[in-house]
């Protein structure tokens, strides 16, 4: 996988999960659809996923910087 692809994946994933974690977006959507029972375990999934995508972004940035600056 290319360095830029890893970096883009990490940044996009972190951005999407940050919107889902730090705003009531999923609460409104899941409540409107009738799936509000899923909100109890949402933090167990979203916060580790956010940490993983942030780690991918940092790894992609380190690969990109190593390639760019030698």
PDB file of N, CA and C in Angstrom:
ATOM      1  N   UNK A   1       0.839  -1.162   0.000  1.00  0.00           N
ATOM      2  CA  UNK A   1       0.000   0.000   0.000  1.00  0.00           C
ATOM      3  C   UNK A   1       0.894   1.238   0.000  1.00  0.00           C
ATOM      4  N   UNK A   2       0.474   2.252  -0.733  1.00  0.00           N
ATOM      5  CA  UNK A   2       1.276   3.468  -0.807  1.00  0.00           C
ATOM      6  C   UNK A   2       1.185   4.272   0.484  1.00  0.00           C
ATOM      7  N   UNK A   3       2.192   5.106   0.703  1.00  0.00           N
ATOM      8  CA  UNK A   3       2.241   5.930   1.907  1.00  0.00           C
ATOM      9  C   UNK A   3       1.056   6.895   1.951  1.00  0.00           C
ATOM     10  N   UNK A   4       0.730   7.472   0.819  1.00  0.00           N
ATOM     11  CA  UNK A   4      -0.373   8.439   0.771  1.00  0.00           C
ATOM     12  C   UNK A   4      -1.708   7.765   1.039  1.00  0.00           C
ATOM     13  N   UNK A   5      -1.860   6.528   0.582  1.00  0.00           N
ATOM     14  CA  UNK A   5      -3.104   5.800   0.807  1.00  0.00           C
ATOM     15  C   UNK A   5      -3.293   5.506   2.285  1.00  0.00           C
ATOM     16  N   UNK A   6      -2.239   5.118   2.950  1.00  0.00           N
ATOM     17  CA  UNK A   6      -2.307   4.851   4.392  1.00  0.00           C
ATOM     18  C   UNK A   6      -2.650   6.130   5.140  1.00  0.00           C
ATOM     19  N   UNK A   7      -2.021   7.228   4.765  1.00  0.00           N
ATOM     20  CA  UNK A   7      -2.278   8.502   5.419  1.00  0.00           C
ATOM     21  C   UNK A   7      -3.716   8.962   5.187  1.00  0.00           C
ATOM     22  N   UNK A   8      -4.203   8.865   3.963  1.00  0.00           N
ATOM     23  CA  UNK A   8      -5.583   9.260   3.660  1.00  0.00           C
ATOM     24  C   UNK A   8      -6.583   8.395   4.406  1.00  0.00           C
ATOM     25  N   UNK A   9      -6.329   7.098   4.469  1.00  0.00           N
ATOM     26  CA  UNK A   9      -7.233   6.197   5.195  1.00  0.00           C
ATOM     27  C   UNK A   9      -7.307   6.566   6.665  1.00  0.00           C
ATOM     28  N   UNK A  10      -6.179   6.829   7.268  1.00  0.00           N
ATOM     29  CA  UNK A  10      -6.152   7.206   8.679  1.00  0.00           C
ATOM     30  C   UNK A  10      -6.844   8.526   8.949  1.00  0.00           C
ATOM     31  N   UNK A  11      -6.605   9.515   8.097  1.00  0.00           N
ATOM     32  CA  UNK A  11      -7.209  10.827   8.302  1.00  0.00           C
ATOM     33  C   UNK A  11      -8.710  10.822   8.070  1.00  0.00           C
ATOM     34  N   UNK A  12      -9.159  10.157   7.017  1.00  0.00           N
ATOM     35  CA  UNK A  12     -10.595  10.093   6.732  1.00  0.00           C
ATOM     36  C   UNK A  12     -11.319   9.289   7.804  1.00  0.00           C
ATOM     37  N   UNK A  13     -10.761   8.169   8.187  1.00  0.00           N
ATOM     38  CA  UNK A  13     -11.380   7.357   9.241  1.00  0.00           C
ATOM     39  C   UNK A  13     -11.446   8.094  10.564  1.00  0.00           C
ATOM     40  N   UNK A  14     -10.384   8.807  10.919  1.00  0.00           N
ATOM     41  CA  UNK A  14     -10.380   9.578  12.160  1.00  0.00           C
ATOM     42  C   UNK A  14     -11.400  10.706  12.109  1.00  0.00           C
ATOM     43  N   UNK A  15     -11.509  11.344  10.968  1.00  0.00           N
ATOM     44  CA  UNK A  15     -12.474  12.432  10.829  1.00  0.00           C
ATOM     45  C   UNK A  15     -13.910  11.960  10.953  1.00  0.00           C
ATOM     46  N   UNK A  16     -14.217  10.863  10.296  1.00  0.00           N
ATOM     47  CA  UNK A  16     -15.577  10.324  10.358  1.00  0.00           C
ATOM     48  C   UNK A  16     -15.913   9.872  11.774  1.00  0.00           C
ATOM     49  N   UNK A  17     -14.998   9.176  12.404  1.00  0.00           N
ATOM     50  CA  UNK A  17     -15.257   8.714  13.763  1.00  0.00           C
ATOM     51  C   UNK A  17     -15.291   9.850  14.771  1.00  0.00           C
ATOM     52  N   UNK A  18     -14.537  10.910  14.547  1.00  0.00           N
ATOM     53  CA  UNK A  18     -14.601  12.055  15.450  1.00  0.00           C
ATOM     54  C   UNK A  18     -15.966  12.728  15.365  1.00  0.00           C
ATOM     55  N   UNK A  19     -16.515  12.825  14.162  1.00  0.00           N
ATOM     56  CA  UNK A  19     -17.864  13.384  14.005  1.00  0.00           C
ATOM     57  C   UNK A  19     -18.884  12.503  14.717  1.00  0.00           C
ATOM     58  N   UNK A  20     -18.718  11.207  14.629  1.00  0.00           N
ATOM     59  CA  UNK A  20     -19.664  10.288  15.275  1.00  0.00           C
ATOM     60  C   UNK A  20     -19.503  10.278  16.789  1.00  0.00           C
ATOM     61  N   UNK A  21     -18.303  10.426  17.285  1.00  0.00           N
ATOM     62  CA  UNK A  21     -18.060  10.342  18.733  1.00  0.00           C
ATOM     63  C   UNK A  21     -18.390  11.635  19.467  1.00  0.00           C
ATOM     64  N   UNK A  22     -18.027  12.754  18.888  1.00  0.00           N
ATOM     65  CA  UNK A  22     -18.078  14.002  19.626  1.00  0.00           C
ATOM     66  C   UNK A  22     -19.284  14.869  19.299  1.00  0.00           C
ATOM     67  N   UNK A  23     -20.169  14.402  18.477  1.00  0.00           N
ATOM     68  CA  UNK A  23     -21.421  15.105  18.216  1.00  0.00           C
ATOM     69  C   UNK A  23     -22.554  14.103  18.398  1.00  0.00           C
ATOM     70  N   UNK A  24     -23.735  14.587  18.633  1.00  0.00           N
ATOM     71  CA  UNK A  24     -24.862  13.667  18.817  1.00  0.00           C
ATOM     72  C   UNK A  24     -25.428  13.147  17.497  1.00  0.00           C
ATOM     73  N   UNK A  25     -24.602  13.081  16.472  1.00  0.00           N
ATOM     74  CA  UNK A  25     -25.051  12.652  15.148  1.00  0.00           C
ATOM     75  C   UNK A  25     -25.647  11.244  15.186  1.00  0.00           C
ATOM     76  N   UNK A  26     -24.917  10.304  15.737  1.00  0.00           N
ATOM     77  CA  UNK A  26     -25.417   8.927  15.774  1.00  0.00           C
ATOM     78  C   UNK A  26     -26.606   8.769  16.706  1.00  0.00           C
ATOM     79  N   UNK A  27     -26.666   9.552  17.768  1.00  0.00           N
ATOM     80  CA  UNK A  27     -27.806   9.480  18.682  1.00  0.00           C
ATOM     81  C   UNK A  27     -29.074   9.901  17.950  1.00  0.00           C
ATOM     82  N   UNK A  28     -28.992  10.965  17.195  1.00  0.00           N
ATOM     83  CA  UNK A  28     -30.152  11.448  16.443  1.00  0.00           C
ATOM     84  C   UNK A  28     -30.539  10.456  15.355  1.00  0.00           C
ATOM     85  N   UNK A  29     -29.557   9.968  14.607  1.00  0.00           N
ATOM     86  CA  UNK A  29     -29.846   9.048  13.508  1.00  0.00           C
ATOM     87  C   UNK A  29     -30.406   7.728  14.023  1.00  0.00           C
ATOM     88  N   UNK A  30     -29.746   7.135  14.999  1.00  0.00           N
ATOM     89  CA  UNK A  30     -30.218   5.847  15.513  1.00  0.00           C
ATOM     90  C   UNK A  30     -31.546   5.979  16.248  1.00  0.00           C
ATOM     91  N   UNK A  31     -31.755   7.090  16.936  1.00  0.00           N
ATOM     92  CA  UNK A  31     -33.030   7.310  17.604  1.00  0.00           C
ATOM     93  C   UNK A  31     -34.162   7.518  16.617  1.00  0.00           C
ATOM     94  N   UNK A  32     -33.876   8.192  15.523  1.00  0.00           N
ATOM     95  CA  UNK A  32     -34.885   8.432  14.498  1.00  0.00           C
ATOM     96  C   UNK A  32     -35.269   7.181  13.736  1.00  0.00           C
ATOM     97  N   UNK A  33     -34.349   6.269  13.611  1.00  0.00           N
ATOM     98  CA  UNK A  33     -34.605   5.037  12.875  1.00  0.00           C
ATOM     99  C   UNK A  33     -35.209   3.967  13.783  1.00  0.00           C
ATOM    100  N   UNK A  34     -35.141   4.179  15.088  1.00  0.00           N
ATOM    101  CA  UNK A  34     -35.687   3.208  16.028  1.00  0.00           C
ATOM    102  C   UNK A  34     -34.677   2.213  16.542  1.00  0.00           C
ATOM    103  N   UNK A  35     -33.413   2.528  16.411  1.00  0.00           N
ATOM    104  CA  UNK A  35     -32.348   1.630  16.862  1.00  0.00           C
ATOM    105  C   UNK A  35     -31.609   2.212  18.067  1.00  0.00           C
ATOM    106  N   UNK A  36     -32.322   2.915  18.916  1.00  0.00           N
ATOM    107  CA  UNK A  36     -31.663   3.566  20.050  1.00  0.00           C
ATOM    108  C   UNK A  36     -31.147   2.569  21.080  1.00  0.00           C
ATOM    109  N   UNK A  37     -31.548   1.325  21.013  1.00  0.00           N
ATOM    110  CA  UNK A  37     -31.017   0.307  21.928  1.00  0.00           C
ATOM    111  C   UNK A  37     -29.532   0.051  21.661  1.00  0.00           C
ATOM    112  N   UNK A  38     -29.055   0.378  20.489  1.00  0.00           N
ATOM    113  CA  UNK A  38     -27.643   0.183  20.144  1.00  0.00           C
ATOM    114  C   UNK A  38     -26.741   1.224  20.796  1.00  0.00           C
ATOM    115  N   UNK A  39     -27.308   2.288  21.341  1.00  0.00           N
ATOM    116  CA  UNK A  39     -26.498   3.372  21.892  1.00  0.00           C
ATOM    117  C   UNK A  39     -25.730   2.959  23.143  1.00  0.00           C
ATOM    118  N   UNK A  40     -26.148   1.910  23.815  1.00  0.00           N
ATOM    119  CA  UNK A  40     -25.467   1.466  25.030  1.00  0.00           C
ATOM    120  C   UNK A  40     -24.063   0.958  24.774  1.00  0.00           C
ATOM    121  N   UNK A  41     -23.836   0.297  23.668  1.00  0.00           N
ATOM    122  CA  UNK A  41     -22.507  -0.262  23.388  1.00  0.00           C
ATOM    123  C   UNK A  41     -21.744   0.533  22.352  1.00  0.00           C
ATOM    124  N   UNK A  42     -22.255   1.687  21.984  1.00  0.00           N
ATOM    125  CA  UNK A  42     -21.618   2.489  20.946  1.00  0.00           C
ATOM    126  C   UNK A  42     -20.224   2.963  21.335  1.00  0.00           C
ATOM    127  N   UNK A  43     -20.033   3.333  22.608  1.00  0.00           N
ATOM    128  CA  UNK A  43     -18.716   3.799  23.051  1.00  0.00           C
ATOM    129  C   UNK A  43     -17.679   2.683  23.043  1.00  0.00           C
ATOM    130  N   UNK A  44     -18.110   1.453  23.239  1.00  0.00           N
ATOM    131  CA  UNK A  44     -17.174   0.326  23.218  1.00  0.00           C
ATOM    132  C   UNK A  44     -16.616   0.066  21.823  1.00  0.00           C
ATOM    133  N   UNK A  45     -17.307   0.553  20.806  1.00  0.00           N
ATOM    134  CA  UNK A  45     -16.873   0.342  19.422  1.00  0.00           C
ATOM    135  C   UNK A  45     -16.199   1.588  18.862  1.00  0.00           C
ATOM    136  N   UNK A  46     -16.796   2.758  19.072  1.00  0.00           N
ATOM    137  CA  UNK A  46     -16.308   3.966  18.416  1.00  0.00           C
ATOM    138  C   UNK A  46     -14.976   4.460  18.969  1.00  0.00           C
ATOM    139  N   UNK A  47     -14.794   4.458  20.265  1.00  0.00           N
ATOM    140  CA  UNK A  47     -13.551   4.982  20.824  1.00  0.00           C
ATOM    141  C   UNK A  47     -12.324   4.135  20.465  1.00  0.00           C
ATOM    142  N   UNK A  48     -12.392   2.793  20.542  1.00  0.00           N
ATOM    143  CA  UNK A  48     -11.231   2.019  20.062  1.00  0.00           C
ATOM    144  C   UNK A  48     -11.004   2.165  18.554  1.00  0.00           C
ATOM    145  N   UNK A  49     -12.084   2.268  17.783  1.00  0.00           N
ATOM    146  CA  UNK A  49     -11.923   2.466  16.337  1.00  0.00           C
ATOM    147  C   UNK A  49     -11.254   3.810  16.064  1.00  0.00           C
ATOM    148  N   UNK A  50     -11.615   4.844  16.817  1.00  0.00           N
ATOM    149  CA  UNK A  50     -10.974   6.148  16.660  1.00  0.00           C
ATOM    150  C   UNK A  50      -9.487   6.055  16.983  1.00  0.00           C
ATOM    151  N   UNK A  51      -9.142   5.340  18.039  1.00  0.00           N
ATOM    152  CA  UNK A  51      -7.728   5.174  18.393  1.00  0.00           C
ATOM    153  C   UNK A  51      -6.965   4.423  17.305  1.00  0.00           C
ATOM    154  N   UNK A  52      -7.593   3.413  16.729  1.00  0.00           N
ATOM    155  CA  UNK A  52      -6.940   2.643  15.656  1.00  0.00           C
ATOM    156  C   UNK A  52      -6.706   3.519  14.429  1.00  0.00           C
ATOM    157  N   UNK A  53      -7.724   4.288  14.011  1.00  0.00           N
ATOM    158  CA  UNK A  53      -7.555   5.134  12.839  1.00  0.00           C
ATOM    159  C   UNK A  53      -6.552   6.261  13.087  1.00  0.00           C
ATOM    160  N   UNK A  54      -6.493   6.770  14.304  1.00  0.00           N
ATOM    161  CA  UNK A  54      -5.483   7.777  14.605  1.00  0.00           C
ATOM    162  C   UNK A  54      -4.082   7.168  14.543  1.00  0.00           C
ATOM    163  N   UNK A  55      -3.956   5.924  14.996  1.00  0.00           N
ATOM    164  CA  UNK A  55      -2.683   5.228  14.878  1.00  0.00           C
ATOM    165  C   UNK A  55      -2.286   4.994  13.435  1.00  0.00           C
ATOM    166  N   UNK A  56      -3.243   4.652  12.589  1.00  0.00           N
ATOM    167  CA  UNK A  56      -2.971   4.474  11.160  1.00  0.00           C
ATOM    168  C   UNK A  56      -2.529   5.797  10.546  1.00  0.00           C
ATOM    169  N   UNK A  57      -3.168   6.896  10.959  1.00  0.00           N
ATOM    170  CA  UNK A  57      -2.785   8.212  10.440  1.00  0.00           C
ATOM    171  C   UNK A  57      -1.360   8.574  10.851  1.00  0.00           C
ATOM    172  N   UNK A  58      -1.003   8.315  12.091  1.00  0.00           N
ATOM    173  CA  UNK A  58       0.354   8.612  12.556  1.00  0.00           C
ATOM    174  C   UNK A  58       1.370   7.741  11.830  1.00  0.00           C
ATOM    175  N   UNK A  59       1.042   6.478  11.629  1.00  0.00           N
ATOM    176  CA  UNK A  59       1.931   5.577  10.897  1.00  0.00           C
ATOM    177  C   UNK A  59       2.096   6.042   9.450  1.00  0.00           C
ATOM    178  N   UNK A  60       1.002   6.424   8.798  1.00  0.00           N
ATOM    179  CA  UNK A  60       1.076   6.924   7.423  1.00  0.00           C
ATOM    180  C   UNK A  60       1.868   8.206   7.328  1.00  0.00           C
ATOM    181  N   UNK A  61       1.716   9.088   8.321  1.00  0.00           N
ATOM    182  CA  UNK A  61       2.482  10.328   8.332  1.00  0.00           C
ATOM    183  C   UNK A  61       3.969  10.055   8.506  1.00  0.00           C
ATOM    184  N   UNK A  62       4.304   9.081   9.347  1.00  0.00           N
ATOM    185  CA  UNK A  62       5.723   8.761   9.531  1.00  0.00           C
ATOM    186  C   UNK A  62       6.319   8.150   8.267  1.00  0.00           C
ATOM    187  N   UNK A  63       5.554   7.313   7.572  1.00  0.00           N
ATOM    188  CA  UNK A  63       6.040   6.760   6.306  1.00  0.00           C
ATOM    189  C   UNK A  63       6.238   7.847   5.266  1.00  0.00           C
ATOM    190  N   UNK A  64       5.276   8.763   5.190  1.00  0.00           N
ATOM    191  CA  UNK A  64       5.342   9.845   4.218  1.00  0.00           C
ATOM    192  C   UNK A  64       6.531  10.772   4.495  1.00  0.00           C
ATOM    193  N   UNK A  65       6.734  11.106   5.786  1.00  0.00           N
ATOM    194  CA  UNK A  65       7.851  11.980   6.140  1.00  0.00           C
ATOM    195  C   UNK A  65       9.188  11.301   5.882  1.00  0.00           C
ATOM    196  N   UNK A  66       9.261   9.986   6.164  1.00  0.00           N
ATOM    197  CA  UNK A  66      10.510   9.259   5.935  1.00  0.00           C
ATOM    198  C   UNK A  66      10.837   9.228   4.445  1.00  0.00           C
ATOM    199  N   UNK A  67       9.825   9.046   3.622  1.00  0.00           N
ATOM    200  CA  UNK A  67      10.043   9.013   2.172  1.00  0.00           C
ATOM    201  C   UNK A  67      10.402  10.398   1.635  1.00  0.00           C
ATOM    202  N   UNK A  68       9.755  11.422   2.161  1.00  0.00           N
ATOM    203  CA  UNK A  68       9.985  12.781   1.676  1.00  0.00           C
ATOM    204  C   UNK A  68      11.342  13.333   2.113  1.00  0.00           C
ATOM    205  N   UNK A  69      11.700  13.122   3.372  1.00  0.00           N
ATOM    206  CA  UNK A  69      12.917  13.707   3.911  1.00  0.00           C
ATOM    207  C   UNK A  69      14.097  12.725   4.007  1.00  0.00           C
ATOM    208  N   UNK A  70      13.855  11.516   3.591  1.00  0.00           N
ATOM    209  CA  UNK A  70      14.948  10.566   3.539  1.00  0.00           C
ATOM    210  C   UNK A  70      15.188   9.896   4.778  1.00  0.00           C
TER     211      UNK A  70
END
